[in-house]
Amino acid sequence: MPRFDTAPVVMRRAREEGRTRYAICLVLLAVVPGCDCFDTCTGGAAFGAITLDDALPPSPESPVFGLRFEKGPGRASKLPDEYYDAGRALWVNGVDGGAGGFAQMTLAETGRLRVVLPRPLGDGVAFATDFPDRVGFLECWHPAGPDRYTLILWLTRLPAGEISDGGYRLETREDFVAGPY
């Protein structure tokens, strides 16, 4: 009876399958980490225009003032009100807010935020508030750890004679930090 040695055929097939798997892994490693194509959550800033609220204007003697805002474009336009009420204070005037936070920013109603500072506003304030990953608020997904959206606000009292927005100038910046891979 002739002897059939199938070992070379089996080994060749295993090598070919191994090369195919290896090539697929290389392609995934090269493409996925730098690609947002699997991230359906980000898609724009959480906030559009932010202005001081005439109904609760800033005052040098008061620690409370209001902000009006529009939702951001793209995916952010679908964020529910609860998202804007989930911000956590990071710092006020460069001092870490810690677990309890030194400033509170809460949703008063749709499109309006109420800010309570730890002291009267005086000549101005700078503070940052962190907003959570959108995964818990939108039907979306992304492959990394939780994203972070930080809203930084500077409110500066204008010199006498430059009265606009209740005597204060508001500047804002929103930072996005993608979650770790």
C-alpha atoms as a PDB file:
ATOM      1  CA  MET A   1       0.000   0.000   0.000  1.00  0.00           C
ATOM      2  CA  PRO A   2       1.498   3.346  -0.990  1.00  0.00           C
ATOM      3  CA  ARG A   3       2.183   5.748   1.837  1.00  0.00           C
ATOM      4  CA  PHE A   4       0.539   9.146   1.575  1.00  0.00           C
ATOM      5  CA  ASP A   5       2.420  11.787   3.469  1.00  0.00           C
ATOM      6  CA  THR A   6      -0.046  14.606   4.115  1.00  0.00           C
ATOM      7  CA  ALA A   7       2.152  16.506   6.563  1.00  0.00           C
ATOM      8  CA  PRO A   8       3.646  18.859   3.898  1.00  0.00           C
ATOM      9  CA  VAL A   9       0.133  19.754   2.619  1.00  0.00           C
ATOM     10  CA  VAL A  10      -1.205  20.360   6.122  1.00  0.00           C
ATOM     11  CA  MET A  11       1.830  22.461   7.054  1.00  0.00           C
ATOM     12  CA  ARG A  12       1.535  24.552   3.874  1.00  0.00           C
ATOM     13  CA  ARG A  13      -2.176  25.261   4.551  1.00  0.00           C
ATOM     14  CA  ALA A  14      -1.433  26.195   8.171  1.00  0.00           C
ATOM     15  CA  ARG A  15       1.307  28.589   7.009  1.00  0.00           C
ATOM     16  CA  GLU A  16      -1.039  30.210   4.475  1.00  0.00           C
ATOM     17  CA  GLU A  17      -3.837  30.606   7.052  1.00  0.00           C
ATOM     18  CA  GLY A  18      -1.335  32.016   9.548  1.00  0.00           C
ATOM     19  CA  ARG A  19      -0.112  34.561   6.995  1.00  0.00           C
ATOM     20  CA  THR A  20      -3.689  35.593   6.240  1.00  0.00           C
ATOM     21  CA  ARG A  21      -4.481  36.091   9.946  1.00  0.00           C
ATOM     22  CA  TYR A  22      -1.220  37.970  10.417  1.00  0.00           C
ATOM     23  CA  ALA A  23      -2.001  40.269   7.465  1.00  0.00           C
ATOM     24  CA  ILE A  24      -5.508  40.984   8.821  1.00  0.00           C
ATOM     25  CA  CYS A  25      -4.062  41.820  12.247  1.00  0.00           C
ATOM     26  CA  LEU A  26      -1.498  44.184  10.694  1.00  0.00           C
ATOM     27  CA  VAL A  27      -4.195  45.989   8.714  1.00  0.00           C
ATOM     28  CA  LEU A  28      -6.386  46.373  11.804  1.00  0.00           C
ATOM     29  CA  LEU A  29      -3.479  47.637  13.907  1.00  0.00           C
ATOM     30  CA  ALA A  30      -2.541  50.163  11.231  1.00  0.00           C
ATOM     31  CA  VAL A  31      -6.058  51.477  10.628  1.00  0.00           C
ATOM     32  CA  VAL A  32      -8.138  51.238  13.809  1.00  0.00           C
ATOM     33  CA  PRO A  33      -6.203  53.272  16.455  1.00  0.00           C
ATOM     34  CA  GLY A  34      -6.103  56.440  14.330  1.00  0.00           C
ATOM     35  CA  CYS A  35      -9.547  56.064  12.864  1.00  0.00           C
ATOM     36  CA  ASP A  36     -12.744  57.662  14.148  1.00  0.00           C
ATOM     37  CA  CYS A  37     -14.710  55.612  11.655  1.00  0.00           C
ATOM     38  CA  PHE A  38     -15.933  53.411  14.510  1.00  0.00           C
ATOM     39  CA  ASP A  39     -16.762  56.361  16.778  1.00  0.00           C
ATOM     40  CA  THR A  40     -20.389  57.367  16.405  1.00  0.00           C
ATOM     41  CA  CYS A  41     -20.468  59.568  19.548  1.00  0.00           C
ATOM     42  CA  THR A  42     -18.220  62.582  19.006  1.00  0.00           C
ATOM     43  CA  GLY A  43     -19.269  64.515  15.907  1.00  0.00           C
ATOM     44  CA  GLY A  44     -19.008  68.102  17.161  1.00  0.00           C
ATOM     45  CA  ALA A  45     -18.896  70.346  20.196  1.00  0.00           C
ATOM     46  CA  ALA A  46     -21.556  69.873  22.879  1.00  0.00           C
ATOM     47  CA  PHE A  47     -22.273  73.613  22.924  1.00  0.00           C
ATOM     48  CA  GLY A  48     -23.046  76.043  20.125  1.00  0.00           C
ATOM     49  CA  ALA A  49     -23.320  79.720  21.070  1.00  0.00           C
ATOM     50  CA  ILE A  50     -23.077  80.520  24.801  1.00  0.00           C
ATOM     51  CA  THR A  51     -24.142  83.941  26.101  1.00  0.00           C
ATOM     52  CA  LEU A  52     -24.937  85.537  29.428  1.00  0.00           C
ATOM     53  CA  ASP A  53     -28.577  85.143  30.450  1.00  0.00           C
ATOM     54  CA  ASP A  54     -30.446  88.458  30.851  1.00  0.00           C
ATOM     55  CA  ALA A  55     -32.849  86.773  33.276  1.00  0.00           C
ATOM     56  CA  LEU A  56     -29.983  86.061  35.720  1.00  0.00           C
ATOM     57  CA  PRO A  57     -27.257  88.599  34.901  1.00  0.00           C
ATOM     58  CA  PRO A  58     -23.845  88.550  36.557  1.00  0.00           C
ATOM     59  CA  SER A  59     -23.265  91.009  39.390  1.00  0.00           C
ATOM     60  CA  PRO A  60     -20.054  91.761  41.309  1.00  0.00           C
ATOM     61  CA  GLU A  61     -21.878  91.176  44.625  1.00  0.00           C
ATOM     62  CA  SER A  62     -23.487  87.854  43.690  1.00  0.00           C
ATOM     63  CA  PRO A  63     -22.009  84.366  43.263  1.00  0.00           C
ATOM     64  CA  VAL A  64     -24.901  83.368  40.949  1.00  0.00           C
ATOM     65  CA  PHE A  65     -25.381  84.094  37.247  1.00  0.00           C
ATOM     66  CA  GLY A  66     -27.004  82.463  34.252  1.00  0.00           C
ATOM     67  CA  LEU A  67     -25.917  81.324  30.816  1.00  0.00           C
ATOM     68  CA  ARG A  68     -27.964  80.687  27.703  1.00  0.00           C
ATOM     69  CA  PHE A  69     -26.732  78.121  25.221  1.00  0.00           C
ATOM     70  CA  GLU A  70     -27.554  76.387  21.997  1.00  0.00           C
ATOM     71  CA  LYS A  71     -26.778  72.730  21.530  1.00  0.00           C
ATOM     72  CA  GLY A  72     -23.810  71.997  19.340  1.00  0.00           C
ATOM     73  CA  PRO A  73     -24.026  70.760  15.750  1.00  0.00           C
ATOM     74  CA  GLY A  74     -24.142  67.184  14.498  1.00  0.00           C
ATOM     75  CA  ARG A  75     -24.545  64.441  17.095  1.00  0.00           C
ATOM     76  CA  ALA A  76     -24.580  67.030  19.907  1.00  0.00           C
ATOM     77  CA  SER A  77     -27.890  68.418  18.659  1.00  0.00           C
ATOM     78  CA  LYS A  78     -29.481  65.155  19.822  1.00  0.00           C
ATOM     79  CA  LEU A  79     -28.066  65.306  23.370  1.00  0.00           C
ATOM     80  CA  PRO A  80     -30.830  65.293  25.998  1.00  0.00           C
ATOM     81  CA  ASP A  81     -31.151  67.989  28.666  1.00  0.00           C
ATOM     82  CA  GLU A  82     -29.814  65.528  31.267  1.00  0.00           C
ATOM     83  CA  TYR A  83     -26.407  65.662  29.585  1.00  0.00           C
ATOM     84  CA  TYR A  84     -26.083  69.394  30.226  1.00  0.00           C
ATOM     85  CA  ASP A  85     -27.021  68.838  33.862  1.00  0.00           C
ATOM     86  CA  ALA A  86     -24.287  66.200  34.318  1.00  0.00           C
ATOM     87  CA  GLY A  87     -21.305  68.586  34.308  1.00  0.00           C
ATOM     88  CA  ARG A  88     -18.780  68.346  37.146  1.00  0.00           C
ATOM     89  CA  ALA A  89     -16.690  71.336  38.232  1.00  0.00           C
ATOM     90  CA  LEU A  90     -12.951  70.888  37.688  1.00  0.00           C
ATOM     91  CA  TRP A  91     -11.526  74.181  38.872  1.00  0.00           C
ATOM     92  CA  VAL A  92     -12.323  77.796  39.631  1.00  0.00           C
ATOM     93  CA  ASN A  93      -9.603  80.414  39.068  1.00  0.00           C
ATOM     94  CA  GLY A  94      -7.061  77.616  38.784  1.00  0.00           C
ATOM     95  CA  VAL A  95      -7.962  75.927  42.104  1.00  0.00           C
ATOM     96  CA  ASP A  96      -8.928  72.245  41.827  1.00  0.00           C
ATOM     97  CA  GLY A  97     -12.629  71.677  42.513  1.00  0.00           C
ATOM     98  CA  GLY A  98     -12.072  68.261  44.060  1.00  0.00           C
ATOM     99  CA  ALA A  99     -14.868  65.755  44.548  1.00  0.00           C
ATOM    100  CA  GLY A 100     -17.414  68.269  45.887  1.00  0.00           C
ATOM    101  CA  GLY A 101     -16.492  70.998  43.424  1.00  0.00           C
ATOM    102  CA  PHE A 102     -16.193  74.699  44.130  1.00  0.00           C
ATOM    103  CA  ALA A 103     -18.634  75.781  41.447  1.00  0.00           C
ATOM    104  CA  GLN A 104     -21.936  74.302  40.385  1.00  0.00           C
ATOM    105  CA  MET A 105     -23.391  74.531  36.914  1.00  0.00           C
ATOM    106  CA  THR A 106     -26.877  73.081  36.641  1.00  0.00           C
ATOM    107  CA  LEU A 107     -29.523  73.063  33.966  1.00  0.00           C
ATOM    108  CA  ALA A 108     -32.231  75.570  34.908  1.00  0.00           C
ATOM    109  CA  GLU A 109     -34.316  74.687  31.845  1.00  0.00           C
ATOM    110  CA  THR A 110     -33.663  73.780  28.229  1.00  0.00           C
ATOM    111  CA  GLY A 111     -30.997  76.117  26.882  1.00  0.00           C
ATOM    112  CA  ARG A 112     -30.287  77.785  30.248  1.00  0.00           C
ATOM    113  CA  LEU A 113     -27.611  77.016  32.834  1.00  0.00           C
ATOM    114  CA  ARG A 114     -27.392  78.375  36.375  1.00  0.00           C
ATOM    115  CA  VAL A 115     -23.877  78.892  37.741  1.00  0.00           C
ATOM    116  CA  VAL A 116     -23.177  79.177  41.486  1.00  0.00           C
ATOM    117  CA  LEU A 117     -19.655  80.186  42.457  1.00  0.00           C
ATOM    118  CA  PRO A 118     -18.050  79.766  45.886  1.00  0.00           C
ATOM    119  CA  ARG A 119     -17.737  83.556  46.253  1.00  0.00           C
ATOM    120  CA  PRO A 120     -19.231  86.728  44.761  1.00  0.00           C
ATOM    121  CA  LEU A 121     -18.237  87.280  41.136  1.00  0.00           C
ATOM    122  CA  GLY A 122     -16.290  90.490  41.716  1.00  0.00           C
ATOM    123  CA  ASP A 123     -14.078  91.422  38.764  1.00  0.00           C
ATOM    124  CA  GLY A 124     -14.401  88.050  37.113  1.00  0.00           C
ATOM    125  CA  VAL A 125     -13.820  84.347  37.185  1.00  0.00           C
ATOM    126  CA  ALA A 126     -12.391  81.512  35.129  1.00  0.00           C
ATOM    127  CA  PHE A 127     -13.725  78.002  35.624  1.00  0.00           C
ATOM    128  CA  ALA A 128     -13.890  74.647  33.910  1.00  0.00           C
ATOM    129  CA  THR A 129     -16.604  72.023  33.952  1.00  0.00           C
ATOM    130  CA  ASP A 130     -16.225  68.450  32.706  1.00  0.00           C
ATOM    131  CA  PHE A 131     -19.057  66.776  30.828  1.00  0.00           C
ATOM    132  CA  PRO A 132     -19.246  62.977  30.600  1.00  0.00           C
ATOM    133  CA  ASP A 133     -18.880  60.605  27.707  1.00  0.00           C
ATOM    134  CA  ARG A 134     -21.886  60.739  25.395  1.00  0.00           C
ATOM    135  CA  VAL A 135     -22.326  56.952  25.357  1.00  0.00           C
ATOM    136  CA  GLY A 136     -24.725  57.141  28.300  1.00  0.00           C
ATOM    137  CA  PHE A 137     -26.777  59.895  26.649  1.00  0.00           C
ATOM    138  CA  LEU A 138     -26.925  59.007  22.937  1.00  0.00           C
ATOM    139  CA  GLU A 139     -27.390  55.795  21.050  1.00  0.00           C
ATOM    140  CA  CYS A 140     -23.766  55.622  19.997  1.00  0.00           C
ATOM    141  CA  TRP A 141     -20.590  53.614  20.411  1.00  0.00           C
ATOM    142  CA  HIS A 142     -16.832  54.044  20.327  1.00  0.00           C
ATOM    143  CA  PRO A 143     -14.017  51.549  20.843  1.00  0.00           C
ATOM    144  CA  ALA A 144     -11.981  53.434  23.437  1.00  0.00           C
ATOM    145  CA  GLY A 145     -12.404  54.363  27.076  1.00  0.00           C
ATOM    146  CA  PRO A 146     -14.695  57.227  28.120  1.00  0.00           C
ATOM    147  CA  ASP A 147     -14.319  60.517  26.237  1.00  0.00           C
ATOM    148  CA  ARG A 148     -14.213  63.817  28.093  1.00  0.00           C
ATOM    149  CA  TYR A 149     -15.677  67.172  27.093  1.00  0.00           C
ATOM    150  CA  THR A 150     -14.467  70.199  29.063  1.00  0.00           C
ATOM    151  CA  LEU A 151     -16.116  73.599  28.909  1.00  0.00           C
ATOM    152  CA  ILE A 152     -13.862  76.457  30.048  1.00  0.00           C
ATOM    153  CA  LEU A 153     -15.418  79.862  30.720  1.00  0.00           C
ATOM    154  CA  TRP A 154     -13.812  83.236  31.403  1.00  0.00           C
ATOM    155  CA  LEU A 155     -16.048  85.989  32.702  1.00  0.00           C
ATOM    156  CA  THR A 156     -14.307  89.366  32.964  1.00  0.00           C
ATOM    157  CA  ARG A 157     -15.746  92.631  34.294  1.00  0.00           C
ATOM    158  CA  LEU A 158     -15.483  95.398  31.736  1.00  0.00           C
ATOM    159  CA  PRO A 159     -14.027  98.799  32.632  1.00  0.00           C
ATOM    160  CA  ALA A 160     -16.520 101.600  33.338  1.00  0.00           C
ATOM    161  CA  GLY A 161     -18.060 102.866  30.113  1.00  0.00           C
ATOM    162  CA  GLU A 162     -17.854  99.506  28.280  1.00  0.00           C
ATOM    163  CA  ILE A 163     -21.217  98.093  29.241  1.00  0.00           C
ATOM    164  CA  SER A 164     -22.375  95.062  27.294  1.00  0.00           C
ATOM    165  CA  ASP A 165     -23.814  91.797  28.557  1.00  0.00           C
ATOM    166  CA  GLY A 166     -24.362  93.318  32.008  1.00  0.00           C
ATOM    167  CA  GLY A 167     -20.875  94.758  32.317  1.00  0.00           C
ATOM    168  CA  TYR A 168     -19.023  91.448  31.795  1.00  0.00           C
ATOM    169  CA  ARG A 169     -17.368  89.834  28.797  1.00  0.00           C
ATOM    170  CA  LEU A 170     -17.820  86.070  28.375  1.00  0.00           C
ATOM    171  CA  GLU A 171     -15.308  83.899  26.542  1.00  0.00           C
ATOM    172  CA  THR A 172     -15.604  80.137  26.181  1.00  0.00           C
ATOM    173  CA  ARG A 173     -13.646  77.189  24.870  1.00  0.00           C
ATOM    174  CA  GLU A 174     -14.658  73.557  24.640  1.00  0.00           C
ATOM    175  CA  ASP A 175     -11.984  70.856  24.706  1.00  0.00           C
ATOM    176  CA  PHE A 176     -12.468  67.250  23.650  1.00  0.00           C
ATOM    177  CA  VAL A 177     -10.217  64.442  24.874  1.00  0.00           C
ATOM    178  CA  ALA A 178     -10.774  61.019  23.354  1.00  0.00           C
ATOM    179  CA  GLY A 179     -10.763  58.101  25.748  1.00  0.00           C
ATOM    180  CA  PRO A 180      -7.648  55.926  25.957  1.00  0.00           C
ATOM    181  CA  TYR A 181      -7.253  52.897  23.711  1.00  0.00           C
END
